[in-house]
Amino acid sequence: MSNSQLSTPTPIQNSSNAIISLISGVMAWLGLFGLGGILAIIFGHIAKNEIKKSGGQISGDGMATAGLVLGYLNIAVSVMGFCLFLFILTGAIAAPALCIPFMNEANFGFTLIP
């Protein structure tokens, strides 16, 4: 065999965007709530498109999918947490619960006859 017949296959590389997506998705649950999820979603979709267009030369589809799942779940939990915070802040949840013990006493405190 001659040298021209021996060719080394090109190594398949992981997508750096998929790695960033996975790291951002994990960091979203470790303290970068919201921001990490948004970054994981953005880089996950970029990585998926990059892997699809590479024709098998770039791998990392599983990492991109994991980053997307972590990112979307984190965004959903962050939005629900923010809504709960707003409800508590405005008193929509806390005020009725705090008034229940005093509801029976409200009618007995006022009399017209001294």
C-alpha atoms as a PDB file:
ATOM      1  CA  MET A   1       0.000   0.000   0.000  1.00  0.00           C
ATOM      2  CA  SER A   2       1.224   3.399  -0.826  1.00  0.00           C
ATOM      3  CA  ASN A   3       1.081   6.454   1.317  1.00  0.00           C
ATOM      4  CA  SER A   4      -1.724   7.960  -0.760  1.00  0.00           C
ATOM      5  CA  GLN A   5      -4.017   5.013  -0.037  1.00  0.00           C
ATOM      6  CA  LEU A   6      -3.608   5.292   3.713  1.00  0.00           C
ATOM      7  CA  SER A   7      -5.617   8.144   5.038  1.00  0.00           C
ATOM      8  CA  THR A   8      -6.377   8.822   8.618  1.00  0.00           C
ATOM      9  CA  PRO A   9      -9.981   9.566   9.350  1.00  0.00           C
ATOM     10  CA  THR A  10     -10.669  13.020  10.643  1.00  0.00           C
ATOM     11  CA  PRO A  11     -11.589  12.920  14.309  1.00  0.00           C
ATOM     12  CA  ILE A  12     -15.117  13.901  15.144  1.00  0.00           C
ATOM     13  CA  GLN A  13     -15.179  16.928  17.425  1.00  0.00           C
ATOM     14  CA  ASN A  14     -17.729  17.867  20.013  1.00  0.00           C
ATOM     15  CA  SER A  15     -19.606  21.072  19.362  1.00  0.00           C
ATOM     16  CA  SER A  16     -18.346  23.815  21.653  1.00  0.00           C
ATOM     17  CA  ASN A  17     -21.837  25.319  21.615  1.00  0.00           C
ATOM     18  CA  ALA A  18     -23.249  22.032  22.915  1.00  0.00           C
ATOM     19  CA  ILE A  19     -20.716  22.029  25.748  1.00  0.00           C
ATOM     20  CA  ILE A  20     -21.573  25.649  26.609  1.00  0.00           C
ATOM     21  CA  SER A  21     -25.283  24.763  26.520  1.00  0.00           C
ATOM     22  CA  LEU A  22     -24.816  21.866  28.921  1.00  0.00           C
ATOM     23  CA  ILE A  23     -22.638  23.899  31.307  1.00  0.00           C
ATOM     24  CA  SER A  24     -25.123  26.789  31.241  1.00  0.00           C
ATOM     25  CA  GLY A  25     -27.996  24.397  31.903  1.00  0.00           C
ATOM     26  CA  VAL A  26     -26.228  22.953  34.939  1.00  0.00           C
ATOM     27  CA  MET A  27     -25.237  26.412  36.188  1.00  0.00           C
ATOM     28  CA  ALA A  28     -28.852  27.526  35.822  1.00  0.00           C
ATOM     29  CA  TRP A  29     -29.746  25.107  38.617  1.00  0.00           C
ATOM     30  CA  LEU A  30     -26.704  26.003  40.734  1.00  0.00           C
ATOM     31  CA  GLY A  31     -27.318  29.733  41.059  1.00  0.00           C
ATOM     32  CA  LEU A  32     -27.710  31.440  37.680  1.00  0.00           C
ATOM     33  CA  PHE A  33     -31.494  31.127  37.739  1.00  0.00           C
ATOM     34  CA  GLY A  34     -33.085  32.480  34.579  1.00  0.00           C
ATOM     35  CA  LEU A  35     -29.871  33.723  32.961  1.00  0.00           C
ATOM     36  CA  GLY A  36     -28.284  30.276  32.830  1.00  0.00           C
ATOM     37  CA  GLY A  37     -31.484  28.839  31.390  1.00  0.00           C
ATOM     38  CA  ILE A  38     -31.644  31.466  28.654  1.00  0.00           C
ATOM     39  CA  LEU A  39     -27.994  30.865  27.722  1.00  0.00           C
ATOM     40  CA  ALA A  40     -28.549  27.084  27.697  1.00  0.00           C
ATOM     41  CA  ILE A  41     -31.512  27.465  25.331  1.00  0.00           C
ATOM     42  CA  ILE A  42     -29.701  29.829  22.967  1.00  0.00           C
ATOM     43  CA  PHE A  43     -26.509  27.776  22.745  1.00  0.00           C
ATOM     44  CA  GLY A  44     -28.469  24.513  22.593  1.00  0.00           C
ATOM     45  CA  HIS A  45     -30.385  25.591  19.497  1.00  0.00           C
ATOM     46  CA  ILE A  46     -27.215  26.948  17.873  1.00  0.00           C
ATOM     47  CA  ALA A  47     -25.463  23.639  18.591  1.00  0.00           C
ATOM     48  CA  LYS A  48     -28.343  21.576  17.185  1.00  0.00           C
ATOM     49  CA  ASN A  49     -28.253  23.544  13.918  1.00  0.00           C
ATOM     50  CA  GLU A  50     -24.455  23.344  13.764  1.00  0.00           C
ATOM     51  CA  ILE A  51     -24.482  19.557  14.279  1.00  0.00           C
ATOM     52  CA  LYS A  52     -27.244  19.071  11.721  1.00  0.00           C
ATOM     53  CA  LYS A  53     -25.358  21.067   9.063  1.00  0.00           C
ATOM     54  CA  SER A  54     -21.989  19.398   9.721  1.00  0.00           C
ATOM     55  CA  GLY A  55     -22.923  16.122   8.059  1.00  0.00           C
ATOM     56  CA  GLY A  56     -21.565  13.957  10.858  1.00  0.00           C
ATOM     57  CA  GLN A  57     -18.315  15.845  11.374  1.00  0.00           C
ATOM     58  CA  ILE A  58     -19.439  17.405  14.664  1.00  0.00           C
ATOM     59  CA  SER A  59     -21.012  15.520  17.561  1.00  0.00           C
ATOM     60  CA  GLY A  60     -22.619  16.582  20.812  1.00  0.00           C
ATOM     61  CA  ASP A  61     -26.306  16.256  20.039  1.00  0.00           C
ATOM     62  CA  GLY A  62     -26.972  14.645  23.423  1.00  0.00           C
ATOM     63  CA  MET A  63     -25.221  17.450  25.286  1.00  0.00           C
ATOM     64  CA  ALA A  64     -27.196  20.045  23.343  1.00  0.00           C
ATOM     65  CA  THR A  65     -30.450  18.228  24.118  1.00  0.00           C
ATOM     66  CA  ALA A  66     -29.563  17.981  27.815  1.00  0.00           C
ATOM     67  CA  GLY A  67     -28.731  21.697  27.866  1.00  0.00           C
ATOM     68  CA  LEU A  68     -32.051  22.529  26.197  1.00  0.00           C
ATOM     69  CA  VAL A  69     -34.059  20.404  28.641  1.00  0.00           C
ATOM     70  CA  LEU A  70     -32.274  21.896  31.657  1.00  0.00           C
ATOM     71  CA  GLY A  71     -32.697  25.390  30.242  1.00  0.00           C
ATOM     72  CA  TYR A  72     -36.405  25.110  29.461  1.00  0.00           C
ATOM     73  CA  LEU A  73     -37.168  23.513  32.833  1.00  0.00           C
ATOM     74  CA  ASN A  74     -35.188  26.212  34.625  1.00  0.00           C
ATOM     75  CA  ILE A  75     -37.014  28.985  32.799  1.00  0.00           C
ATOM     76  CA  ALA A  76     -40.385  27.395  33.651  1.00  0.00           C
ATOM     77  CA  VAL A  77     -39.488  27.059  37.341  1.00  0.00           C
ATOM     78  CA  SER A  78     -38.035  30.583  37.420  1.00  0.00           C
ATOM     79  CA  VAL A  79     -41.213  32.083  35.923  1.00  0.00           C
ATOM     80  CA  MET A  80     -43.408  30.187  38.385  1.00  0.00           C
ATOM     81  CA  GLY A  81     -41.179  31.279  41.265  1.00  0.00           C
ATOM     82  CA  PHE A  82     -41.294  34.893  40.122  1.00  0.00           C
ATOM     83  CA  CYS A  83     -45.101  34.783  39.902  1.00  0.00           C
ATOM     84  CA  LEU A  84     -45.300  33.268  43.394  1.00  0.00           C
ATOM     85  CA  PHE A  85     -42.982  36.006  44.668  1.00  0.00           C
ATOM     86  CA  LEU A  86     -45.221  38.671  43.140  1.00  0.00           C
ATOM     87  CA  PHE A  87     -48.336  37.110  44.687  1.00  0.00           C
ATOM     88  CA  ILE A  88     -46.705  37.066  48.096  1.00  0.00           C
ATOM     89  CA  LEU A  89     -45.329  40.583  47.660  1.00  0.00           C
ATOM     90  CA  THR A  90     -48.699  42.046  46.724  1.00  0.00           C
ATOM     91  CA  GLY A  91     -50.481  40.140  49.485  1.00  0.00           C
ATOM     92  CA  ALA A  92     -52.673  38.089  47.202  1.00  0.00           C
ATOM     93  CA  ILE A  93     -51.630  34.935  49.028  1.00  0.00           C
ATOM     94  CA  ALA A  94     -50.543  36.117  52.476  1.00  0.00           C
ATOM     95  CA  ALA A  95     -53.307  38.621  53.364  1.00  0.00           C
ATOM     96  CA  PRO A  96     -56.293  36.224  53.360  1.00  0.00           C
ATOM     97  CA  ALA A  97     -54.314  33.627  55.302  1.00  0.00           C
ATOM     98  CA  LEU A  98     -53.339  36.184  57.943  1.00  0.00           C
ATOM     99  CA  CYS A  99     -56.902  37.487  58.338  1.00  0.00           C
ATOM    100  CA  ILE A 100     -58.604  34.125  58.911  1.00  0.00           C
ATOM    101  CA  PRO A 101     -57.893  33.946  62.689  1.00  0.00           C
ATOM    102  CA  PHE A 102     -59.460  37.389  63.204  1.00  0.00           C
ATOM    103  CA  MET A 103     -62.607  36.903  61.128  1.00  0.00           C
ATOM    104  CA  ASN A 104     -64.768  35.786  64.077  1.00  0.00           C
ATOM    105  CA  GLU A 105     -63.726  38.726  66.245  1.00  0.00           C
ATOM    106  CA  ALA A 106     -64.551  41.364  63.644  1.00  0.00           C
ATOM    107  CA  ASN A 107     -68.323  41.312  64.365  1.00  0.00           C
ATOM    108  CA  PHE A 108     -68.080  41.421  68.150  1.00  0.00           C
ATOM    109  CA  GLY A 109     -65.964  44.537  68.596  1.00  0.00           C
ATOM    110  CA  PHE A 110     -68.553  47.153  67.589  1.00  0.00           C
ATOM    111  CA  THR A 111     -71.729  47.926  69.530  1.00  0.00           C
ATOM    112  CA  LEU A 112     -74.008  50.938  69.412  1.00  0.00           C
ATOM    113  CA  ILE A 113     -75.066  50.683  73.061  1.00  0.00           C
ATOM    114  CA  PRO A 114     -72.364  51.684  75.558  1.00  0.00           C
END
